[in-house]
Protein backbone atom coordinates (compact mmCIF):
# COMPACT_ATOMS: atom_id res chain seq x y z
CA UNK A 1 156.07 127.97 -36.64
CA UNK A 2 154.37 131.18 -35.75
CA UNK A 3 151.57 131.35 -33.33
CA UNK A 4 148.35 130.97 -34.71
CA UNK A 5 146.60 133.35 -32.64
CA UNK A 6 128.01 128.55 -54.42
CA UNK A 7 126.77 129.66 -57.23
CA UNK A 8 127.62 132.90 -59.37
CA UNK A 9 125.81 135.60 -57.86
CA UNK A 10 126.89 139.28 -55.77
CA UNK A 11 126.86 139.13 -52.29
CA UNK A 12 123.64 140.38 -50.63
CA UNK A 13 121.70 137.37 -52.01
CA UNK A 14 122.22 135.82 -48.66
CA UNK A 15 117.99 135.29 -48.80
CA UNK A 16 117.69 133.84 -52.24
CA UNK A 17 120.43 131.48 -51.36
CA UNK A 18 118.29 130.38 -48.14
CA UNK A 19 115.29 129.66 -50.10
CA UNK A 20 117.33 128.15 -52.54
CA UNK A 21 118.74 125.82 -50.15
CA UNK A 22 115.26 125.07 -48.42
CA UNK A 23 113.64 124.20 -52.14
CA UNK A 24 116.48 121.56 -52.58
CA UNK A 25 116.12 120.52 -49.17
CA UNK A 26 112.21 119.79 -49.44
CA UNK A 27 113.23 117.88 -53.01
CA UNK A 28 115.27 115.40 -51.64
CA UNK A 29 113.06 114.94 -48.39
CA UNK A 30 112.50 116.54 -45.11
CA UNK A 31 112.63 119.97 -43.71
CA UNK A 32 115.12 122.35 -43.99
CA UNK A 33 118.41 122.59 -41.74
CA UNK A 34 119.09 125.18 -39.09
CA UNK A 35 122.19 126.68 -41.00
CA UNK A 36 124.76 129.47 -39.04
CA UNK A 37 125.06 131.03 -42.41
CA UNK A 38 122.86 130.39 -44.96
CA UNK A 39 124.65 132.16 -47.97
CA UNK A 40 127.17 130.07 -49.91
CA UNK A 41 128.94 133.77 -51.07
CA UNK A 42 128.51 135.45 -47.60
CA UNK A 43 130.88 133.42 -45.83
CA UNK A 44 133.53 133.94 -48.77
CA UNK A 45 132.98 137.71 -49.57
CA UNK A 46 131.11 138.84 -46.55
CA UNK A 47 133.07 137.31 -43.16
CA UNK A 48 136.00 135.18 -43.98
CA UNK A 49 138.67 135.04 -41.88
CA UNK A 50 140.02 131.69 -42.20
CA UNK A 51 142.21 131.88 -39.55
CA UNK A 52 139.74 131.49 -37.24
CA UNK A 53 137.29 129.41 -38.76
CA UNK A 54 134.81 129.89 -41.98
CA UNK A 55 131.13 129.46 -40.82
CA UNK A 56 129.48 126.13 -41.24
CA UNK A 57 127.14 125.48 -44.13
CA UNK A 58 125.07 122.31 -44.18
CA UNK A 59 125.91 120.40 -47.28
CA UNK A 60 126.11 116.87 -46.81
CA UNK A 61 122.90 114.71 -46.40
CA UNK A 62 122.81 111.23 -44.45
CA UNK A 63 122.38 108.42 -47.03
CA UNK A 64 124.25 110.06 -50.47
CA UNK A 65 127.29 109.08 -52.02
CA UNK A 66 130.64 109.12 -49.71
CA UNK A 67 133.05 109.73 -53.00
CA UNK A 68 136.38 108.49 -53.05
CA UNK A 69 138.47 108.38 -50.12
CA UNK A 70 141.30 110.06 -52.01
CA UNK A 71 140.60 113.01 -53.97
CA UNK A 72 142.30 114.44 -57.05
CA UNK A 73 142.59 118.10 -57.57
CA UNK A 74 143.83 119.82 -60.93
CA UNK A 75 144.79 123.30 -61.63
CA UNK A 76 141.96 124.82 -63.90
CA UNK A 77 143.24 128.35 -63.81
CA UNK A 78 146.26 130.28 -63.04
CA UNK A 79 146.68 134.03 -62.68
CA UNK A 80 150.27 135.45 -63.02
CA UNK A 81 151.24 137.89 -60.12
CA UNK A 82 153.72 140.71 -59.96
CA UNK A 83 155.18 142.72 -57.46
CA UNK A 84 157.10 142.12 -54.12
CA UNK A 85 156.86 138.16 -53.41
CA UNK A 86 156.90 138.37 -49.75
CA UNK A 87 154.04 141.01 -49.72
CA UNK A 88 152.07 138.72 -52.51
CA UNK A 89 152.44 135.59 -50.42
CA UNK A 90 151.33 137.03 -47.12
CA UNK A 91 148.15 139.09 -48.88
CA UNK A 92 144.43 138.13 -48.27
CA UNK A 93 142.34 137.39 -51.47
CA UNK A 94 138.45 138.02 -51.91
CA UNK A 95 136.72 136.79 -55.30
CA UNK A 96 134.48 139.93 -56.27
CA UNK A 97 132.32 140.23 -59.44
CA UNK A 98 133.40 143.78 -60.14
CA UNK A 99 131.73 144.30 -63.41
CA UNK A 100 128.83 142.47 -62.71
CA UNK A 101 129.03 139.89 -65.59
CA UNK A 102 128.92 136.96 -63.57
CA UNK A 103 132.23 135.83 -63.58
CA UNK A 104 134.74 135.96 -60.52
CA UNK A 105 137.30 138.42 -60.27
CA UNK A 106 139.57 138.87 -57.33
CA UNK A 107 140.49 141.35 -54.82
CA UNK A 108 144.35 140.99 -53.70
CA UNK A 109 145.55 143.26 -50.68
CA UNK A 110 147.99 143.47 -48.09
CA UNK A 111 147.43 145.51 -45.21
CA UNK A 112 147.66 149.38 -46.09
CA UNK A 113 150.70 149.09 -48.68
CA UNK A 114 148.49 147.53 -51.67
CA UNK A 115 144.92 147.24 -52.78
CA UNK A 116 144.32 145.55 -56.47
CA UNK A 117 141.81 143.86 -58.45
CA UNK A 118 142.92 141.08 -61.33
CA UNK A 119 139.89 140.46 -64.05
CA UNK A 120 138.51 137.28 -64.56
CA UNK A 121 141.29 136.50 -67.28
CA UNK A 122 144.29 137.55 -65.37
CA UNK A 123 144.51 141.49 -66.11
CA UNK A 124 145.21 143.51 -63.58
CA UNK A 125 142.24 145.83 -63.53
CA UNK A 126 144.11 148.64 -61.13
CA UNK A 127 146.18 148.80 -58.29
CA UNK A 128 146.19 151.64 -55.00
CA UNK A 129 148.82 151.49 -52.75
CA UNK A 130 151.04 153.45 -50.18
CA UNK A 131 154.45 152.71 -50.08
CA UNK A 132 154.74 153.42 -46.40
CA UNK A 133 151.59 151.62 -45.59
CA UNK A 134 151.67 148.93 -43.00
CA UNK A 135 152.14 145.31 -44.43
CA UNK A 136 151.53 141.99 -42.80
CA UNK A 137 154.39 140.83 -41.19
CA UNK A 138 155.81 138.26 -42.66
CA UNK A 139 157.25 136.72 -39.09
CA UNK A 140 153.66 136.37 -38.00
CA UNK A 141 152.98 134.07 -41.00
CA UNK A 142 149.21 133.24 -40.85
CA UNK A 143 147.93 137.39 -39.88
CA UNK A 144 145.55 138.88 -42.28
CA UNK A 145 143.36 141.97 -42.12
CA UNK A 146 139.78 141.07 -43.63
CA UNK A 147 137.42 143.04 -45.62
CA UNK A 148 134.10 142.53 -47.02
CA UNK A 149 133.04 142.08 -50.52
CA UNK A 150 129.19 143.99 -51.35
CA UNK A 151 127.22 146.42 -53.79
CA UNK A 152 128.14 149.31 -51.77
CA UNK A 153 126.82 151.83 -54.29
CA UNK A 154 123.47 150.03 -56.01
CA UNK A 155 124.69 149.75 -58.97
CA UNK A 156 124.21 146.04 -59.14
CA UNK A 157 128.46 145.60 -59.27
CA UNK A 158 130.19 144.49 -56.39
CA UNK A 159 132.94 146.61 -54.61
CA UNK A 160 135.27 146.29 -51.54
CA UNK A 161 135.19 147.93 -47.71
CA UNK A 162 138.59 147.85 -46.21
CA UNK A 163 140.82 149.67 -44.21
CA UNK A 164 143.34 152.51 -45.02
CA UNK A 165 145.51 154.73 -43.64
CA UNK A 166 145.15 158.20 -44.51
CA UNK A 167 147.30 161.27 -42.45
CA UNK A 168 147.82 158.95 -39.39
CA UNK A 169 144.34 158.04 -38.97
CA UNK A 170 142.78 154.19 -39.94
CA UNK A 171 139.87 155.15 -42.42
CA UNK A 172 137.08 152.62 -43.24
CA UNK A 173 136.85 152.76 -47.10
CA UNK A 174 134.36 151.92 -49.67
CA UNK A 175 135.74 151.57 -52.94
CA UNK A 176 134.74 150.27 -55.90
CA UNK A 177 135.33 147.18 -57.41
CA UNK A 178 135.25 148.37 -61.11
CA UNK A 179 137.95 151.07 -60.70
CA UNK A 180 139.35 151.57 -57.60
CA UNK A 181 137.49 154.57 -56.93
CA UNK A 182 136.91 155.84 -53.50
CA UNK A 183 133.23 156.11 -52.72
CA UNK A 184 133.35 156.93 -49.35
CA UNK A 185 135.74 156.89 -46.56
CA UNK A 186 135.36 157.95 -42.29
CA UNK A 187 138.31 157.78 -39.84
CA UNK A 188 137.83 155.23 -37.68
CA UNK A 189 141.01 155.24 -35.02
CA UNK A 190 144.79 155.34 -35.29
CA UNK A 191 146.62 154.88 -38.32
CA UNK A 192 149.27 151.55 -38.49
CA UNK A 193 146.44 149.15 -36.81
CA UNK A 194 145.26 146.02 -37.89
CA UNK A 195 142.16 145.60 -39.65
CA UNK A 196 139.33 143.41 -38.52
CA UNK A 197 135.75 143.84 -40.03
CA UNK A 198 132.98 141.64 -40.91
CA UNK A 199 129.27 142.57 -42.66
CA UNK A 200 126.57 140.28 -41.79
CA UNK A 201 122.73 139.90 -43.12
CA UNK A 202 121.07 140.49 -40.02
CA UNK A 203 117.60 140.25 -38.80
CA UNK A 204 115.19 143.50 -39.07
CA UNK A 205 117.59 145.35 -41.67
CA UNK A 206 117.17 145.23 -45.15
CA UNK A 207 120.93 146.13 -45.76
CA UNK A 208 124.05 144.11 -44.27
CA UNK A 209 125.40 145.37 -41.15
CA UNK A 210 129.47 146.25 -41.24
CA UNK A 211 131.56 145.50 -37.85
CA UNK A 212 134.80 147.23 -37.29
CA UNK A 213 137.01 146.43 -34.67
CA UNK A 214 138.63 149.01 -33.08
CA UNK A 215 140.36 149.78 -29.39
CA UNK A 216 138.09 150.99 -26.82
CA UNK A 217 137.83 154.74 -26.31
CA UNK A 218 137.44 154.51 -22.35
CA UNK A 219 140.56 155.17 -20.84
CA UNK A 220 141.75 152.23 -19.28
CA UNK A 221 138.13 150.24 -20.02
CA UNK A 222 140.33 147.06 -21.44
CA UNK A 223 143.12 147.50 -19.62
CA UNK A 224 146.90 145.98 -20.85
CA UNK A 225 144.95 143.90 -23.84
CA UNK A 226 143.18 146.91 -25.72
CA UNK A 227 143.85 145.62 -29.06
CA UNK A 228 141.88 146.12 -32.15
CA UNK A 229 143.09 142.17 -32.75
CA UNK A 230 140.84 141.62 -29.65
CA UNK A 231 138.01 142.94 -30.82
CA UNK A 232 138.32 145.30 -27.32
CA UNK A 233 135.85 147.54 -29.56
CA UNK A 234 133.01 146.32 -31.61
CA UNK A 235 131.62 149.44 -34.02
CA UNK A 236 128.67 149.13 -36.41
CA UNK A 237 127.91 151.05 -39.63
CA UNK A 238 125.66 151.15 -41.92
CA UNK A 239 126.41 151.86 -46.21
CA UNK A 240 126.34 154.93 -45.86
CA UNK A 241 129.41 154.93 -42.98
CA UNK A 242 127.18 155.97 -40.20
CA UNK A 243 128.11 154.76 -36.94
CA UNK A 244 125.12 153.04 -35.46
CA UNK A 245 126.49 151.97 -31.93
CA UNK A 246 129.34 151.13 -30.25
CA UNK A 247 130.41 149.20 -27.52
CA UNK A 248 132.87 148.06 -25.86
CA UNK A 249 133.78 144.31 -25.75
CA UNK A 250 137.13 143.66 -23.87
CA UNK A 251 138.81 140.22 -24.32
CA UNK A 252 136.43 139.23 -27.05
CA UNK A 253 138.60 137.32 -29.66
CA UNK A 254 139.52 137.44 -32.75
CA UNK A 255 136.59 137.40 -34.71
CA UNK A 256 133.41 137.73 -35.91
CA UNK A 257 130.46 134.40 -36.22
CA UNK A 258 126.57 134.95 -37.30
CA UNK A 259 123.72 132.85 -35.29
CA UNK A 260 120.98 132.22 -38.25
CA UNK A 261 118.60 129.81 -36.21
CA UNK A 262 115.73 129.86 -38.49
CA UNK A 263 118.08 129.59 -41.51
CA UNK A 264 116.34 132.42 -43.26
CA UNK A 265 119.87 134.19 -44.66
CA UNK A 266 119.82 136.54 -41.77
CA UNK A 267 121.55 136.56 -38.09
CA UNK A 268 119.24 136.92 -35.21
CA UNK A 269 123.05 137.86 -33.15
CA UNK A 270 126.46 137.53 -33.67
CA UNK A 271 129.33 136.32 -31.50
CA UNK A 272 132.07 139.23 -31.12
CA UNK A 273 134.53 136.43 -29.65
CA UNK A 274 132.94 135.53 -26.44
CA UNK A 275 130.03 138.18 -26.22
CA UNK A 276 126.76 137.20 -28.39
CA UNK A 277 124.87 140.49 -29.81
CA UNK A 278 122.34 141.51 -31.15
CA UNK A 279 121.65 143.52 -34.48
CA UNK A 280 120.69 146.49 -32.66
CA UNK A 281 123.94 146.14 -30.89
CA UNK A 282 122.51 144.93 -27.27
CA UNK A 283 124.28 142.28 -25.49
CA UNK A 284 121.98 139.21 -25.66
CA UNK A 285 124.70 137.18 -23.39
CA UNK A 286 128.16 136.27 -22.34
CA UNK A 287 129.83 132.63 -22.86
CA UNK A 288 128.89 130.91 -19.72
CA UNK A 289 132.17 129.87 -17.64
CA UNK A 290 134.42 131.36 -19.92
CA UNK A 291 137.42 132.86 -17.77
CA UNK A 292 137.22 136.74 -17.75
CA UNK A 293 140.85 137.28 -19.01
CA UNK A 294 140.84 134.30 -21.35
CA UNK A 295 139.66 135.50 -25.36
CA UNK A 296 137.84 133.14 -28.19
CA UNK A 297 140.94 132.32 -30.80
CA UNK A 298 137.72 130.37 -33.07
CA UNK A 299 134.49 129.60 -33.33
CA UNK A 300 132.01 127.03 -35.03
CA UNK A 301 128.08 127.47 -34.84
CA UNK A 302 126.17 124.62 -35.82
CA UNK A 303 122.80 122.06 -35.14
CA UNK A 304 125.68 119.66 -33.41
CA UNK A 305 123.02 118.38 -31.31
CA UNK A 306 119.50 117.86 -32.83
CA UNK A 307 117.69 116.46 -29.71
CA UNK A 308 118.04 119.91 -28.30
CA UNK A 309 116.18 122.93 -30.18
CA UNK A 310 118.40 125.39 -31.64
CA UNK A 311 121.59 125.74 -32.59
CA UNK A 312 125.46 124.79 -30.39
CA UNK A 313 128.36 126.98 -30.35
CA UNK A 314 132.01 125.50 -29.80
CA UNK A 315 134.72 127.78 -29.11
CA UNK A 316 138.17 127.42 -28.15
CA UNK A 317 140.59 129.42 -26.50
CA UNK A 318 143.95 129.05 -24.15
CA UNK A 319 141.28 127.68 -21.60
CA UNK A 320 140.38 125.13 -23.57
CA UNK A 321 137.28 123.90 -25.62
CA UNK A 322 133.67 124.30 -24.70
CA UNK A 323 130.19 124.04 -26.60
CA UNK A 324 127.31 126.11 -25.94
CA UNK A 325 123.73 126.69 -26.77
CA UNK A 326 124.28 129.18 -29.29
CA UNK A 327 121.12 131.40 -28.37
CA UNK A 328 121.71 131.24 -24.65
CA UNK A 329 125.28 130.75 -24.16
CA UNK A 330 124.69 127.91 -21.67
CA UNK A 331 127.42 125.88 -21.07
CA UNK A 332 126.92 121.91 -22.20
CA UNK A 333 130.48 120.28 -22.69
CA UNK A 334 133.99 121.60 -22.03
CA UNK A 335 137.44 119.60 -22.83
CA UNK A 336 139.64 121.28 -20.67
CA UNK A 337 143.44 122.14 -21.97
CA UNK A 338 145.15 119.28 -20.31
CA UNK A 339 143.27 117.23 -22.70
CA UNK A 340 143.39 119.85 -26.01
CA UNK A 341 146.37 121.83 -25.14
CA UNK A 342 145.44 125.94 -26.38
CA UNK A 343 143.35 125.17 -29.13
CA UNK A 344 142.98 127.62 -31.77
CA UNK A 345 141.43 126.55 -35.09
CA UNK A 346 138.00 124.83 -35.08
CA UNK A 347 135.38 123.69 -37.95
CA UNK A 348 132.21 121.72 -37.69
CA UNK A 349 131.76 119.33 -41.07
CA UNK A 350 129.65 116.06 -41.54
CA UNK A 351 132.36 113.39 -41.91
CA UNK A 352 130.65 109.80 -41.22
CA UNK A 353 128.35 109.00 -44.03
CA UNK A 354 125.88 107.09 -41.42
CA UNK A 355 125.43 110.23 -39.42
CA UNK A 356 123.40 113.05 -39.96
CA UNK A 357 125.73 114.90 -37.18
CA UNK A 358 128.49 117.08 -38.11
CA UNK A 359 131.70 116.65 -35.77
CA UNK A 360 133.89 119.17 -34.66
CA UNK A 361 137.84 119.41 -35.81
CA UNK A 362 140.04 120.96 -33.30
CA UNK A 363 143.65 122.19 -33.91
CA UNK A 364 146.10 122.84 -30.83
CA UNK A 365 148.54 125.81 -31.14
CA UNK A 366 151.49 125.22 -33.44
CA UNK A 367 153.60 126.01 -30.48
CA UNK A 368 152.25 123.52 -28.68
CA UNK A 369 154.78 120.63 -28.15
CA UNK A 370 153.95 117.72 -30.21
CA UNK A 371 150.60 119.71 -31.21
CA UNK A 372 147.52 117.53 -32.53
CA UNK A 373 144.64 118.05 -34.51
CA UNK A 374 141.38 116.47 -32.88
CA UNK A 375 137.91 114.90 -34.61
CA UNK A 376 135.54 115.64 -31.70
CA UNK A 377 131.98 114.16 -31.45
CA UNK A 378 128.88 116.48 -31.05
CA UNK A 379 129.16 115.10 -27.11
CA UNK A 380 132.37 116.06 -26.40
CA UNK A 381 134.27 112.86 -27.12
CA UNK A 382 137.43 112.95 -28.85
CA UNK A 383 136.96 110.19 -31.73
CA UNK A 384 140.55 110.22 -33.29
CA UNK A 385 144.13 112.82 -33.27
CA UNK A 386 146.19 113.53 -35.59
CA UNK A 387 150.32 115.29 -35.43
CA UNK A 388 149.99 116.03 -39.13
CA UNK A 389 149.51 120.24 -38.32
CA UNK A 390 146.27 120.23 -40.10
CA UNK A 391 144.53 123.33 -39.31
CA UNK A 392 140.82 123.31 -39.55
CA UNK A 393 138.92 126.14 -41.72
CA UNK A 394 135.94 124.62 -43.31
CA UNK A 395 133.68 122.44 -44.46
CA UNK A 396 132.66 122.31 -48.47
CA UNK A 397 131.78 120.17 -51.03
CA UNK A 398 134.73 119.67 -53.19
CA UNK A 399 133.92 116.52 -55.54
CA UNK A 400 129.80 116.56 -55.47
CA UNK A 401 129.15 113.19 -53.52
CA UNK A 402 126.76 114.63 -50.72
CA UNK A 403 127.52 111.69 -48.67
CA UNK A 404 130.05 113.19 -46.81
CA UNK A 405 131.63 116.81 -46.63
CA UNK A 406 135.28 117.78 -47.40
CA UNK A 407 136.75 119.21 -44.59
CA UNK A 408 139.10 121.69 -45.61
CA UNK A 409 142.11 122.67 -43.82
CA UNK A 410 145.57 124.80 -43.72
CA UNK A 411 147.50 124.61 -47.31
CA UNK A 412 144.35 123.27 -49.32
CA UNK A 413 144.45 119.79 -47.20
CA UNK A 414 141.44 117.86 -46.68
CA UNK A 415 140.69 115.56 -43.59
CA UNK A 416 138.54 112.25 -43.30
CA UNK A 417 136.71 111.42 -40.08
CA UNK A 418 139.81 109.29 -38.78
CA UNK A 419 141.92 112.12 -39.08
CA UNK A 420 143.14 110.80 -42.42
CA UNK A 421 144.71 113.05 -45.32
CA UNK A 422 142.36 112.74 -48.14
CA UNK A 423 143.91 115.77 -50.25
CA UNK A 424 147.07 116.98 -49.78
CA UNK A 425 149.12 120.25 -51.59
CA UNK A 426 151.20 118.51 -53.80
CA UNK A 427 149.02 119.52 -56.93
CA UNK A 428 149.92 122.84 -56.59
CA UNK A 429 152.95 123.37 -54.79
CA UNK A 430 155.63 123.61 -56.86
CA UNK A 431 154.04 125.56 -59.00
CA UNK A 432 156.06 128.99 -59.79
CA UNK A 433 154.88 131.95 -62.52
CA UNK A 434 157.00 133.48 -65.03
CA UNK A 435 156.55 137.27 -64.08
CA UNK A 436 157.48 137.06 -60.38
CA UNK A 437 160.89 135.92 -58.95
CA UNK A 438 160.59 133.63 -55.89
CA UNK A 439 162.77 134.42 -53.17
CA UNK A 440 163.36 132.20 -50.01
CA UNK A 441 164.75 135.11 -47.90
CA UNK A 442 161.57 135.23 -45.58
CA UNK A 443 161.39 133.56 -42.10
CA UNK A 444 159.28 130.60 -43.44
CA UNK A 445 161.28 129.43 -46.78
CA UNK A 446 159.37 126.10 -46.77
CA UNK A 447 155.68 126.83 -45.75
CA UNK A 448 154.00 130.30 -45.11
CA UNK A 449 156.30 132.26 -47.08
CA UNK A 450 155.85 129.95 -50.32
CA UNK A 451 152.24 129.63 -50.33
CA UNK A 452 149.60 131.54 -48.04
CA UNK A 453 147.99 129.11 -45.67
CA UNK A 454 144.38 129.50 -45.32
CA UNK A 455 142.85 129.18 -49.10
CA UNK A 456 139.74 130.41 -50.55
CA UNK A 457 136.93 127.41 -51.29
CA UNK A 458 133.80 128.14 -52.72
CA UNK A 459 132.00 127.70 -55.93
CA UNK A 460 134.26 129.35 -58.28
CA UNK A 461 132.83 128.68 -61.93
CA UNK A 462 129.20 127.56 -60.94
CA UNK A 463 128.55 124.13 -61.18
CA UNK A 464 127.55 123.55 -57.98
CA UNK A 465 130.50 122.07 -56.54
CA UNK A 466 133.44 124.35 -54.62
CA UNK A 467 137.07 124.81 -55.82
CA UNK A 468 140.20 125.36 -54.48
CA UNK A 469 142.26 128.83 -54.59
CA UNK A 470 145.44 129.15 -53.65
CA UNK A 471 147.72 131.78 -53.82
CA UNK A 472 151.44 132.60 -53.30
CA UNK A 473 154.44 134.26 -54.23
CA UNK A 474 154.08 134.54 -58.28
CA UNK A 475 150.41 132.83 -58.34
CA UNK A 476 147.01 132.70 -57.59
CA UNK A 477 145.70 128.68 -58.52
CA UNK A 478 142.50 128.04 -59.07
CA UNK A 479 142.00 123.71 -58.26
CA UNK A 480 139.12 121.48 -58.73
CA UNK A 481 138.55 117.64 -58.15
CA UNK A 482 138.42 115.55 -61.07
CA UNK A 483 137.42 112.30 -59.47
């Protein structure tokens, strides 16, 4: 195994989503809960990196129907892929409303090798490619570049912010979703490097703030770990691609997560790994006690302790797992690496129908001997553990039963509060398309080379519940719970 370092509307509507969430909460009784991310599509289109944890979104409520213990899913849509099968499966996928009609197309991209958009009906709208461009390395199994989907030219249709190499330089490119035409581009560093970016609705700004990871430009500023994948430098751009600010964030971590304490759909601050940054680029604080040479592999932000004001953040890395006050970075508890060895993935979800509190799922790095996934209480107590190889990704509502969340993990599996599996991967695993002949020539022919490990989970059809979107060598498959 390699190391593992709701409704249809355009992205950019986080404020509306927050208002709808508040309205629903008031109708069922009680004030709206604080959320780390108030827009259901924001966490899928603007700042998704499922390998590092999709932001928590309050869904379940105490006293509601908890649904069936076992979930049944059936495929409701398939899109036939063409091209290189390994490049297909090791690519990333984003939902995009490219034509503004309210139905989702899919943007499918692999490094700087290709970017293409498939229509809702399964027709390829366009493709750009560079045969010499960097493709994701199958040997790493799980690594993916990120991108942001939002309206970048003000025409009411969604576009794509991504990286592309040109003349030896890495470019930040804004590309029209409808036809692939370049809106604008800006050089952001040396070519051939990974691309990590995340867009956020933030307090004090009408339009989203786009963060792009880079290597520090100061000589030896971050030492031997001056890597894009560590977010050694963070740069902020507006939607005109003007550089607003940059700062060194050495040994930060592998991604960025919003802190929206008042649940208005606009983050007051953003965790770039272990650093909490304000939208104007000011350092608010650094995770207290986090070792200098260690970075954050994954994070989740939620109201885990309602007895305390505000939100909490649970971060994981080689040194262990710890919970912090999300706004002050004050340490609240720590689980050492002797208990959970080199944890890599973390997600919060409400799994107990009798409790209003989310629990935290934490997974040990796959290279650890007997690697386990733990269910941990908000107080840092281990409640359950399993060796099923489950990598937690996000909470969701797959079945419409709001008594508990569905905790979705690697390959679309769903875990319960006892670390049991509610949904396995059998509903799609043996499906194959007819346009592309699949291959077993990759390093992981029975796992990462067959289907990607980190599915899209969002309300694809606009009926109020989430669907699971998987993609592999020859197919994109949308699955829906039927029980």
